[in-house]
All heavy atoms as atom14 arrays in JSON, in Angstrom:
{
  "sequence": "PDIPQELKDKYSSEEWRLGTRIPFEKDIIHRFDWGEVEAQLAM",
  "atom14_mask": [
    [1, 1, 1, 1, 1, 1, 1, 0, 0, 0, 0, 0, 0, 0],
    [1, 1, 1, 1, 1, 1, 1, 1, 0, 0, 0, 0, 0, 0],
    [1, 1, 1, 1, 1, 1, 1, 1, 0, 0, 0, 0, 0, 0],
    [1, 1, 1, 1, 1, 1, 1, 0, 0, 0, 0, 0, 0, 0],
    [1, 1, 1, 1, 1, 1, 1, 1, 1, 0, 0, 0, 0, 0],
    [1, 1, 1, 1, 1, 1, 1, 1, 1, 0, 0, 0, 0, 0],
    [1, 1, 1, 1, 1, 1, 1, 1, 0, 0, 0, 0, 0, 0],
    [1, 1, 1, 1, 1, 1, 1, 1, 1, 0, 0, 0, 0, 0],
    [1, 1, 1, 1, 1, 1, 1, 1, 0, 0, 0, 0, 0, 0],
    [1, 1, 1, 1, 1, 1, 1, 1, 1, 0, 0, 0, 0, 0],
    [1, 1, 1, 1, 1, 1, 1, 1, 1, 1, 1, 1, 0, 0],
    [1, 1, 1, 1, 1, 1, 0, 0, 0, 0, 0, 0, 0, 0],
    [1, 1, 1, 1, 1, 1, 0, 0, 0, 0, 0, 0, 0, 0],
    [1, 1, 1, 1, 1, 1, 1, 1, 1, 0, 0, 0, 0, 0],
    [1, 1, 1, 1, 1, 1, 1, 1, 1, 0, 0, 0, 0, 0],
    [1, 1, 1, 1, 1, 1, 1, 1, 1, 1, 1, 1, 1, 1],
    [1, 1, 1, 1, 1, 1, 1, 1, 1, 1, 1, 0, 0, 0],
    [1, 1, 1, 1, 1, 1, 1, 1, 0, 0, 0, 0, 0, 0],
    [1, 1, 1, 1, 0, 0, 0, 0, 0, 0, 0, 0, 0, 0],
    [1, 1, 1, 1, 1, 1, 1, 0, 0, 0, 0, 0, 0, 0],
    [1, 1, 1, 1, 1, 1, 1, 1, 1, 1, 1, 0, 0, 0],
    [1, 1, 1, 1, 1, 1, 1, 1, 0, 0, 0, 0, 0, 0],
    [1, 1, 1, 1, 1, 1, 1, 0, 0, 0, 0, 0, 0, 0],
    [1, 1, 1, 1, 1, 1, 1, 1, 1, 1, 1, 0, 0, 0],
    [1, 1, 1, 1, 1, 1, 1, 1, 1, 0, 0, 0, 0, 0],
    [1, 1, 1, 1, 1, 1, 1, 1, 1, 0, 0, 0, 0, 0],
    [1, 1, 1, 1, 1, 1, 1, 1, 0, 0, 0, 0, 0, 0],
    [1, 1, 1, 1, 1, 1, 1, 1, 0, 0, 0, 0, 0, 0],
    [1, 1, 1, 1, 1, 1, 1, 1, 0, 0, 0, 0, 0, 0],
    [1, 1, 1, 1, 1, 1, 1, 1, 1, 1, 0, 0, 0, 0],
    [1, 1, 1, 1, 1, 1, 1, 1, 1, 1, 1, 0, 0, 0],
    [1, 1, 1, 1, 1, 1, 1, 1, 1, 1, 1, 0, 0, 0],
    [1, 1, 1, 1, 1, 1, 1, 1, 0, 0, 0, 0, 0, 0],
    [1, 1, 1, 1, 1, 1, 1, 1, 1, 1, 1, 1, 1, 1],
    [1, 1, 1, 1, 0, 0, 0, 0, 0, 0, 0, 0, 0, 0],
    [1, 1, 1, 1, 1, 1, 1, 1, 1, 0, 0, 0, 0, 0],
    [1, 1, 1, 1, 1, 1, 1, 0, 0, 0, 0, 0, 0, 0],
    [1, 1, 1, 1, 1, 1, 1, 1, 1, 0, 0, 0, 0, 0],
    [1, 1, 1, 1, 1, 0, 0, 0, 0, 0, 0, 0, 0, 0],
    [1, 1, 1, 1, 1, 1, 1, 1, 1, 0, 0, 0, 0, 0],
    [1, 1, 1, 1, 1, 1, 1, 1, 0, 0, 0, 0, 0, 0],
    [1, 1, 1, 1, 1, 0, 0, 0, 0, 0, 0, 0, 0, 0],
    [1, 1, 1, 1, 1, 1, 1, 1, 0, 0, 0, 0, 0, 0]
  ],
  "atom14_positions": [
    [[15.9, 20.01, 11.89], [16.52, 19.16, 12.9], [17.06, 17.87, 12.29], [16.71, 17.51, 11.16], [15.38, 18.88, 13.87], [14.15, 18.92, 13.01], [14.42, 19.99, 11.99], [0.0, 0.0, 0.0], [0.0, 0.0, 0.0], [0.0, 0.0, 0.0], [0.0, 0.0, 0.0], [0.0, 0.0, 0.0], [0.0, 0.0, 0.0], [0.0, 0.0, 0.0]],
    [[17.89, 17.17, 13.04], [18.37, 15.86, 12.6], [17.21, 14.87, 12.62], [16.37, 14.88, 13.53], [19.48, 15.37, 13.53], [20.75, 16.21, 13.4], [20.96, 16.8, 12.33], [21.51, 16.3, 14.39], [0.0, 0.0, 0.0], [0.0, 0.0, 0.0], [0.0, 0.0, 0.0], [0.0, 0.0, 0.0], [0.0, 0.0, 0.0], [0.0, 0.0, 0.0]],
    [[17.17, 14.0, 11.63], [16.09, 13.03, 11.5], [16.57, 11.68, 12.03], [17.65, 11.22, 11.66], [15.67, 12.86, 10.03], [15.51, 14.22, 9.34], [14.38, 12.07, 9.93], [15.44, 14.13, 7.84], [0.0, 0.0, 0.0], [0.0, 0.0, 0.0], [0.0, 0.0, 0.0], [0.0, 0.0, 0.0], [0.0, 0.0, 0.0], [0.0, 0.0, 0.0]],
    [[15.8, 11.01, 12.87], [16.18, 9.67, 13.32], [16.38, 8.73, 12.13], [15.59, 8.74, 11.19], [15.0, 9.23, 14.18], [14.35, 10.5, 14.63], [14.54, 11.47, 13.49], [0.0, 0.0, 0.0], [0.0, 0.0, 0.0], [0.0, 0.0, 0.0], [0.0, 0.0, 0.0], [0.0, 0.0, 0.0], [0.0, 0.0, 0.0], [0.0, 0.0, 0.0]],
    [[17.42, 7.91, 12.19], [17.74, 7.02, 11.08], [16.62, 6.04, 10.78], [16.36, 5.71, 9.61], [19.04, 6.25, 11.38], [19.56, 5.42, 10.23], [19.89, 6.25, 9.0], [20.55, 7.29, 9.11], [19.46, 5.82, 7.83], [0.0, 0.0, 0.0], [0.0, 0.0, 0.0], [0.0, 0.0, 0.0], [0.0, 0.0, 0.0], [0.0, 0.0, 0.0]],
    [[15.92, 5.58, 11.82], [14.85, 4.61, 11.59], [13.71, 5.21, 10.76], [13.03, 4.49, 10.03], [14.31, 4.06, 12.91], [13.75, 5.09, 13.88], [14.78, 5.57, 14.89], [15.99, 5.51, 14.57], [14.37, 5.97, 15.99], [0.0, 0.0, 0.0], [0.0, 0.0, 0.0], [0.0, 0.0, 0.0], [0.0, 0.0, 0.0], [0.0, 0.0, 0.0]],
    [[13.52, 6.52, 10.86], [12.48, 7.16, 10.07], [12.91, 7.26, 8.61], [12.11, 7.04, 7.7], [12.18, 8.55, 10.65], [10.79, 9.14, 10.4], [9.69, 8.15, 10.79], [10.63, 10.44, 11.17], [0.0, 0.0, 0.0], [0.0, 0.0, 0.0], [0.0, 0.0, 0.0], [0.0, 0.0, 0.0], [0.0, 0.0, 0.0], [0.0, 0.0, 0.0]],
    [[14.18, 7.55, 8.36], [14.7, 7.55, 6.99], [14.6, 6.15, 6.4], [14.22, 5.98, 5.24], [16.16, 8.0, 6.98], [16.42, 9.42, 7.42], [17.92, 9.71, 7.35], [18.29, 11.04, 7.95], [19.75, 11.28, 7.9], [0.0, 0.0, 0.0], [0.0, 0.0, 0.0], [0.0, 0.0, 0.0], [0.0, 0.0, 0.0], [0.0, 0.0, 0.0]],
    [[14.96, 5.15, 7.21], [14.91, 3.77, 6.74], [13.49, 3.35, 6.37], [13.28, 2.61, 5.4], [15.47, 2.82, 7.8], [16.96, 3.02, 8.04], [17.62, 3.62, 7.17], [17.45, 2.57, 9.1], [0.0, 0.0, 0.0], [0.0, 0.0, 0.0], [0.0, 0.0, 0.0], [0.0, 0.0, 0.0], [0.0, 0.0, 0.0], [0.0, 0.0, 0.0]],
    [[12.52, 3.81, 7.14], [11.12, 3.48, 6.86], [10.73, 3.95, 5.47], [10.18, 3.16, 4.67], [10.21, 4.14, 7.9], [8.73, 4.18, 7.51], [7.93, 5.06, 8.47], [6.57, 5.4, 7.9], [5.78, 6.25, 8.81], [0.0, 0.0, 0.0], [0.0, 0.0, 0.0], [0.0, 0.0, 0.0], [0.0, 0.0, 0.0], [0.0, 0.0, 0.0]],
    [[11.0, 5.21, 5.15], [10.56, 5.77, 3.88], [11.3, 5.2, 2.68], [10.76, 5.16, 1.56], [10.65, 7.29, 3.9], [9.49, 7.93, 4.62], [9.6, 8.32, 5.95], [8.28, 8.12, 3.98], [8.53, 8.89, 6.63], [7.19, 8.69, 4.65], [7.32, 9.07, 5.96], [6.25, 9.62, 6.62], [0.0, 0.0, 0.0], [0.0, 0.0, 0.0]],
    [[12.53, 4.75, 2.87], [13.31, 4.21, 1.75], [13.11, 2.72, 1.57], [13.5, 2.17, 0.53], [14.8, 4.5, 1.96], [15.28, 3.87, 3.13], [0.0, 0.0, 0.0], [0.0, 0.0, 0.0], [0.0, 0.0, 0.0], [0.0, 0.0, 0.0], [0.0, 0.0, 0.0], [0.0, 0.0, 0.0], [0.0, 0.0, 0.0], [0.0, 0.0, 0.0]],
    [[12.46, 2.05, 2.52], [12.32, 0.59, 2.44], [11.32, 0.18, 1.37], [10.32, 0.86, 1.12], [11.87, 0.03, 3.8], [10.52, 0.4, 4.07], [0.0, 0.0, 0.0], [0.0, 0.0, 0.0], [0.0, 0.0, 0.0], [0.0, 0.0, 0.0], [0.0, 0.0, 0.0], [0.0, 0.0, 0.0], [0.0, 0.0, 0.0], [0.0, 0.0, 0.0]],
    [[11.6, -0.95, 0.73], [10.67, -1.49, -0.27], [9.34, -1.88, 0.37], [8.28, -1.75, -0.25], [11.28, -2.7, -0.98], [12.28, -2.35, -2.05], [12.42, -3.45, -3.09], [11.75, -4.48, -2.97], [13.23, -3.26, -4.03], [0.0, 0.0, 0.0], [0.0, 0.0, 0.0], [0.0, 0.0, 0.0], [0.0, 0.0, 0.0], [0.0, 0.0, 0.0]],
    [[9.38, -2.36, 1.6], [8.15, -2.76, 2.28], [7.19, -1.59, 2.39], [5.98, -1.75, 2.18], [8.49, -3.3, 3.68], [7.27, -3.75, 4.46], [7.63, -4.25, 5.84], [8.8, -4.15, 6.23], [6.72, -4.72, 6.55], [0.0, 0.0, 0.0], [0.0, 0.0, 0.0], [0.0, 0.0, 0.0], [0.0, 0.0, 0.0], [0.0, 0.0, 0.0]],
    [[7.7, -0.4, 2.72], [6.85, 0.78, 2.83], [6.45, 1.3, 1.45], [5.29, 1.6, 1.2], [7.56, 1.87, 3.63], [6.84, 3.19, 3.6], [7.16, 4.3, 2.89], [5.63, 3.51, 4.3], [6.25, 5.3, 3.09], [5.29, 4.85, 3.96], [4.8, 2.8, 5.17], [4.16, 5.48, 4.46], [3.66, 3.44, 5.68], [3.36, 4.76, 5.33]],
    [[7.4, 1.39, 0.55], [7.15, 2.02, -0.75], [6.25, 1.17, -1.64], [5.34, 1.68, -2.29], [8.47, 2.29, -1.47], [9.34, 3.33, -0.77], [10.59, 3.67, -1.55], [11.46, 2.52, -1.73], [11.69, 1.92, -2.89], [11.11, 2.35, -4.0], [12.51, 0.88, -2.97], [0.0, 0.0, 0.0], [0.0, 0.0, 0.0], [0.0, 0.0, 0.0]],
    [[6.48, -0.13, -1.67], [5.74, -1.01, -2.57], [4.59, -1.74, -1.89], [3.68, -2.23, -2.55], [6.69, -2.03, -3.21], [7.81, -1.43, -4.07], [8.7, -2.53, -4.61], [7.24, -0.61, -5.22], [0.0, 0.0, 0.0], [0.0, 0.0, 0.0], [0.0, 0.0, 0.0], [0.0, 0.0, 0.0], [0.0, 0.0, 0.0], [0.0, 0.0, 0.0]],
    [[4.64, -1.82, -0.56], [3.57, -2.47, 0.17], [3.64, -3.98, 0.07], [4.54, -4.56, -0.53], [0.0, 0.0, 0.0], [0.0, 0.0, 0.0], [0.0, 0.0, 0.0], [0.0, 0.0, 0.0], [0.0, 0.0, 0.0], [0.0, 0.0, 0.0], [0.0, 0.0, 0.0], [0.0, 0.0, 0.0], [0.0, 0.0, 0.0], [0.0, 0.0, 0.0]],
    [[2.66, -4.63, 0.68], [2.57, -6.09, 0.69], [1.55, -6.55, -0.34], [0.39, -6.14, -0.3], [2.15, -6.6, 2.08], [3.1, -6.13, 3.06], [2.1, -8.11, 2.11], [0.0, 0.0, 0.0], [0.0, 0.0, 0.0], [0.0, 0.0, 0.0], [0.0, 0.0, 0.0], [0.0, 0.0, 0.0], [0.0, 0.0, 0.0], [0.0, 0.0, 0.0]],
    [[1.98, -7.38, -1.26], [1.06, -7.91, -2.28], [0.53, -9.26, -1.83], [1.26, -10.07, -1.25], [1.78, -8.02, -3.63], [2.39, -6.72, -4.11], [3.18, -6.89, -5.4], [2.32, -6.99, -6.57], [2.77, -7.09, -7.82], [4.08, -7.14, -8.05], [1.95, -7.16, -8.83], [0.0, 0.0, 0.0], [0.0, 0.0, 0.0], [0.0, 0.0, 0.0]],
    [[-0.74, -9.51, -2.12], [-1.32, -10.8, -1.78], [-1.71, -11.52, -3.07], [-2.02, -10.88, -4.07], [-2.55, -10.65, -0.86], [-3.69, -9.92, -1.59], [-2.19, -9.94, 0.43], [-5.01, -9.92, -0.85], [0.0, 0.0, 0.0], [0.0, 0.0, 0.0], [0.0, 0.0, 0.0], [0.0, 0.0, 0.0], [0.0, 0.0, 0.0], [0.0, 0.0, 0.0]],
    [[-1.69, -12.87, -3.07], [-2.12, -13.63, -4.26], [-3.64, -13.66, -4.3], [-4.28, -14.51, -3.7], [-1.53, -15.02, -4.0], [-1.45, -15.12, -2.5], [-1.2, -13.73, -1.99], [0.0, 0.0, 0.0], [0.0, 0.0, 0.0], [0.0, 0.0, 0.0], [0.0, 0.0, 0.0], [0.0, 0.0, 0.0], [0.0, 0.0, 0.0], [0.0, 0.0, 0.0]],
    [[-4.24, -12.72, -5.0], [-5.7, -12.57, -4.95], [-6.37, -13.29, -6.12], [-5.8, -13.43, -7.2], [-6.08, -11.09, -4.94], [-5.64, -10.33, -6.16], [-6.48, -10.18, -7.26], [-4.37, -9.75, -6.23], [-6.08, -9.49, -8.38], [-3.96, -9.06, -7.36], [-4.82, -8.92, -8.44], [0.0, 0.0, 0.0], [0.0, 0.0, 0.0], [0.0, 0.0, 0.0]],
    [[-7.62, -13.72, -5.87], [-8.43, -14.35, -6.92], [-9.52, -13.42, -7.44], [-10.0, -13.59, -8.57], [-9.1, -15.62, -6.38], [-8.17, -16.8, -6.19], [-7.33, -16.7, -4.92], [-7.82, -16.14, -3.93], [-6.18, -17.17, -4.94], [0.0, 0.0, 0.0], [0.0, 0.0, 0.0], [0.0, 0.0, 0.0], [0.0, 0.0, 0.0], [0.0, 0.0, 0.0]],
    [[-9.93, -12.46, -6.63], [-11.01, -11.56, -7.02], [-10.54, -10.12, -6.88], [-9.89, -9.76, -5.9], [-12.27, -11.81, -6.19], [-12.79, -13.23, -6.33], [-14.09, -13.44, -5.59], [-14.53, -14.91, -5.69], [-14.8, -15.3, -7.08], [0.0, 0.0, 0.0], [0.0, 0.0, 0.0], [0.0, 0.0, 0.0], [0.0, 0.0, 0.0], [0.0, 0.0, 0.0]],
    [[-10.89, -9.29, -7.88], [-10.47, -7.89, -7.91], [-11.69, -7.03, -8.22], [-12.29, -7.16, -9.29], [-9.38, -7.7, -8.98], [-8.67, -6.37, -8.87], [-8.73, -5.74, -7.8], [-8.06, -5.94, -9.86], [0.0, 0.0, 0.0], [0.0, 0.0, 0.0], [0.0, 0.0, 0.0], [0.0, 0.0, 0.0], [0.0, 0.0, 0.0], [0.0, 0.0, 0.0]],
    [[-12.06, -6.18, -7.28], [-13.25, -5.35, -7.42], [-12.82, -3.89, -7.4], [-12.11, -3.46, -6.48], [-14.25, -5.61, -6.28], [-14.65, -7.1, -6.26], [-15.49, -4.72, -6.42], [-15.37, -7.51, -4.99], [0.0, 0.0, 0.0], [0.0, 0.0, 0.0], [0.0, 0.0, 0.0], [0.0, 0.0, 0.0], [0.0, 0.0, 0.0], [0.0, 0.0, 0.0]],
    [[-13.23, -3.12, -8.4], [-12.83, -1.71, -8.5], [-14.07, -0.86, -8.69], [-14.96, -1.18, -9.51], [-11.86, -1.49, -9.68], [-10.58, -2.31, -9.48], [-11.51, -0.01, -9.82], [-9.64, -2.28, -10.68], [0.0, 0.0, 0.0], [0.0, 0.0, 0.0], [0.0, 0.0, 0.0], [0.0, 0.0, 0.0], [0.0, 0.0, 0.0], [0.0, 0.0, 0.0]],
    [[-14.14, 0.24, -7.94], [-15.28, 1.15, -8.07], [-14.83, 2.57, -7.74], [-14.02, 2.77, -6.82], [-16.41, 0.75, -7.12], [-17.63, 1.62, -7.21], [-18.53, 1.53, -8.25], [-18.08, 2.63, -6.42], [-19.49, 2.41, -8.07], [-19.23, 3.1, -6.98], [0.0, 0.0, 0.0], [0.0, 0.0, 0.0], [0.0, 0.0, 0.0], [0.0, 0.0, 0.0]],
    [[-15.33, 3.55, -8.49], [-15.03, 4.95, -8.21], [-16.22, 5.62, -7.54], [-17.32, 5.66, -8.1], [-14.63, 5.72, -9.47], [-14.44, 7.22, -9.22], [-13.53, 7.88, -10.21], [-12.14, 7.46, -10.04], [-11.32, 7.98, -9.12], [-11.74, 8.92, -8.3], [-10.08, 7.55, -9.05], [0.0, 0.0, 0.0], [0.0, 0.0, 0.0], [0.0, 0.0, 0.0]],
    [[-15.99, 6.12, -6.33], [-16.97, 6.92, -5.61], [-16.71, 8.4, -5.88], [-15.71, 8.75, -6.5], [-16.85, 6.66, -4.1], [-17.14, 5.25, -3.68], [-16.11, 4.32, -3.56], [-18.43, 4.85, -3.38], [-16.36, 3.02, -3.15], [-18.7, 3.54, -2.99], [-17.67, 2.63, -2.87], [0.0, 0.0, 0.0], [0.0, 0.0, 0.0], [0.0, 0.0, 0.0]],
    [[-17.6, 9.25, -5.39], [-17.39, 10.69, -5.52], [-16.1, 11.13, -4.8], [-15.44, 12.08, -5.21], [-18.57, 11.47, -4.93], [-19.83, 11.31, -5.77], [-19.71, 10.93, -6.95], [-20.93, 11.57, -5.24], [0.0, 0.0, 0.0], [0.0, 0.0, 0.0], [0.0, 0.0, 0.0], [0.0, 0.0, 0.0], [0.0, 0.0, 0.0], [0.0, 0.0, 0.0]],
    [[-15.75, 10.41, -3.74], [-14.6, 10.79, -2.9], [-13.31, 10.07, -3.3], [-12.26, 10.33, -2.69], [-14.9, 10.54, -1.42], [-15.57, 9.23, -1.12], [-16.9, 9.02, -0.92], [-14.95, 7.94, -0.99], [-17.15, 7.69, -0.67], [-15.98, 7.01, -0.7], [-13.63, 7.49, -1.09], [-15.72, 5.65, -0.51], [-13.36, 6.14, -0.89], [-14.41, 5.24, -0.61]],
    [[-13.36, 9.19, -4.28], [-12.14, 8.5, -4.7], [-12.41, 7.09, -5.18], [-13.53, 6.57, -5.08], [0.0, 0.0, 0.0], [0.0, 0.0, 0.0], [0.0, 0.0, 0.0], [0.0, 0.0, 0.0], [0.0, 0.0, 0.0], [0.0, 0.0, 0.0], [0.0, 0.0, 0.0], [0.0, 0.0, 0.0], [0.0, 0.0, 0.0], [0.0, 0.0, 0.0]],
    [[-11.36, 6.45, -5.7], [-11.49, 5.09, -6.21], [-11.03, 4.09, -5.16], [-10.12, 4.36, -4.37], [-10.61, 4.93, -7.46], [-10.75, 3.57, -8.13], [-9.99, 3.5, -9.44], [-10.57, 3.83, -10.48], [-8.8, 3.13, -9.4], [0.0, 0.0, 0.0], [0.0, 0.0, 0.0], [0.0, 0.0, 0.0], [0.0, 0.0, 0.0], [0.0, 0.0, 0.0]],
    [[-11.7, 2.93, -5.15], [-11.32, 1.84, -4.25], [-11.11, 0.58, -5.07], [-11.92, 0.25, -5.94], [-12.41, 1.58, -3.17], [-12.04, 0.34, -2.35], [-12.56, 2.79, -2.26], [0.0, 0.0, 0.0], [0.0, 0.0, 0.0], [0.0, 0.0, 0.0], [0.0, 0.0, 0.0], [0.0, 0.0, 0.0], [0.0, 0.0, 0.0], [0.0, 0.0, 0.0]],
    [[-10.01, -0.11, -4.81], [-9.75, -1.42, -5.39], [-9.66, -2.42, -4.25], [-8.9, -2.21, -3.3], [-8.44, -1.43, -6.18], [-8.11, -2.79, -6.78], [-6.77, -2.82, -7.52], [-6.0, -1.85, -7.36], [-6.52, -3.8, -8.23], [0.0, 0.0, 0.0], [0.0, 0.0, 0.0], [0.0, 0.0, 0.0], [0.0, 0.0, 0.0], [0.0, 0.0, 0.0]],
    [[-10.45, -3.49, -4.32], [-10.44, -4.54, -3.31], [-9.92, -5.83, -3.92], [-10.54, -6.38, -4.83], [-11.83, -4.75, -2.74], [0.0, 0.0, 0.0], [0.0, 0.0, 0.0], [0.0, 0.0, 0.0], [0.0, 0.0, 0.0], [0.0, 0.0, 0.0], [0.0, 0.0, 0.0], [0.0, 0.0, 0.0], [0.0, 0.0, 0.0], [0.0, 0.0, 0.0]],
    [[-8.77, -6.29, -3.45], [-8.21, -7.57, -3.89], [-8.5, -8.61, -2.8], [-8.13, -8.41, -1.64], [-6.71, -7.44, -4.12], [-6.35, -6.5, -5.26], [-4.86, -6.38, -5.47], [-4.06, -6.89, -4.68], [-4.46, -5.72, -6.55], [0.0, 0.0, 0.0], [0.0, 0.0, 0.0], [0.0, 0.0, 0.0], [0.0, 0.0, 0.0], [0.0, 0.0, 0.0]],
    [[-9.15, -9.69, -3.18], [-9.56, -10.72, -2.22], [-8.85, -12.04, -2.51], [-8.9, -12.55, -3.63], [-11.08, -10.93, -2.28], [-11.96, -9.68, -2.14], [-13.43, -10.05, -2.27], [-11.7, -8.98, -0.82], [0.0, 0.0, 0.0], [0.0, 0.0, 0.0], [0.0, 0.0, 0.0], [0.0, 0.0, 0.0], [0.0, 0.0, 0.0], [0.0, 0.0, 0.0]],
    [[-8.22, -12.58, -1.49], [-7.62, -13.91, -1.57], [-8.59, -14.9, -0.93], [-9.04, -14.68, 0.2], [-6.28, -13.94, -0.84], [0.0, 0.0, 0.0], [0.0, 0.0, 0.0], [0.0, 0.0, 0.0], [0.0, 0.0, 0.0], [0.0, 0.0, 0.0], [0.0, 0.0, 0.0], [0.0, 0.0, 0.0], [0.0, 0.0, 0.0], [0.0, 0.0, 0.0]],
    [[-8.93, -15.95, -1.65], [-9.99, -16.86, -1.21], [-9.43, -18.18, -0.69], [-8.39, -18.67, -1.14], [-10.94, -17.13, -2.37], [-11.51, -15.89, -3.04], [-12.46, -14.85, -1.91], [-13.79, -15.99, -1.49], [0.0, 0.0, 0.0], [0.0, 0.0, 0.0], [0.0, 0.0, 0.0], [0.0, 0.0, 0.0], [0.0, 0.0, 0.0], [0.0, 0.0, 0.0]]
  ]
}
């Protein structure tokens, strides 16, 4: 079917693809059995 333009725009946008970065001071990384988690904290 035809795809709504706003849905195409969502996937091609830098905001969706790259996400929002925050200026963080603390970075915590741990691997669990189910996957890795990285927590960036802005203080």
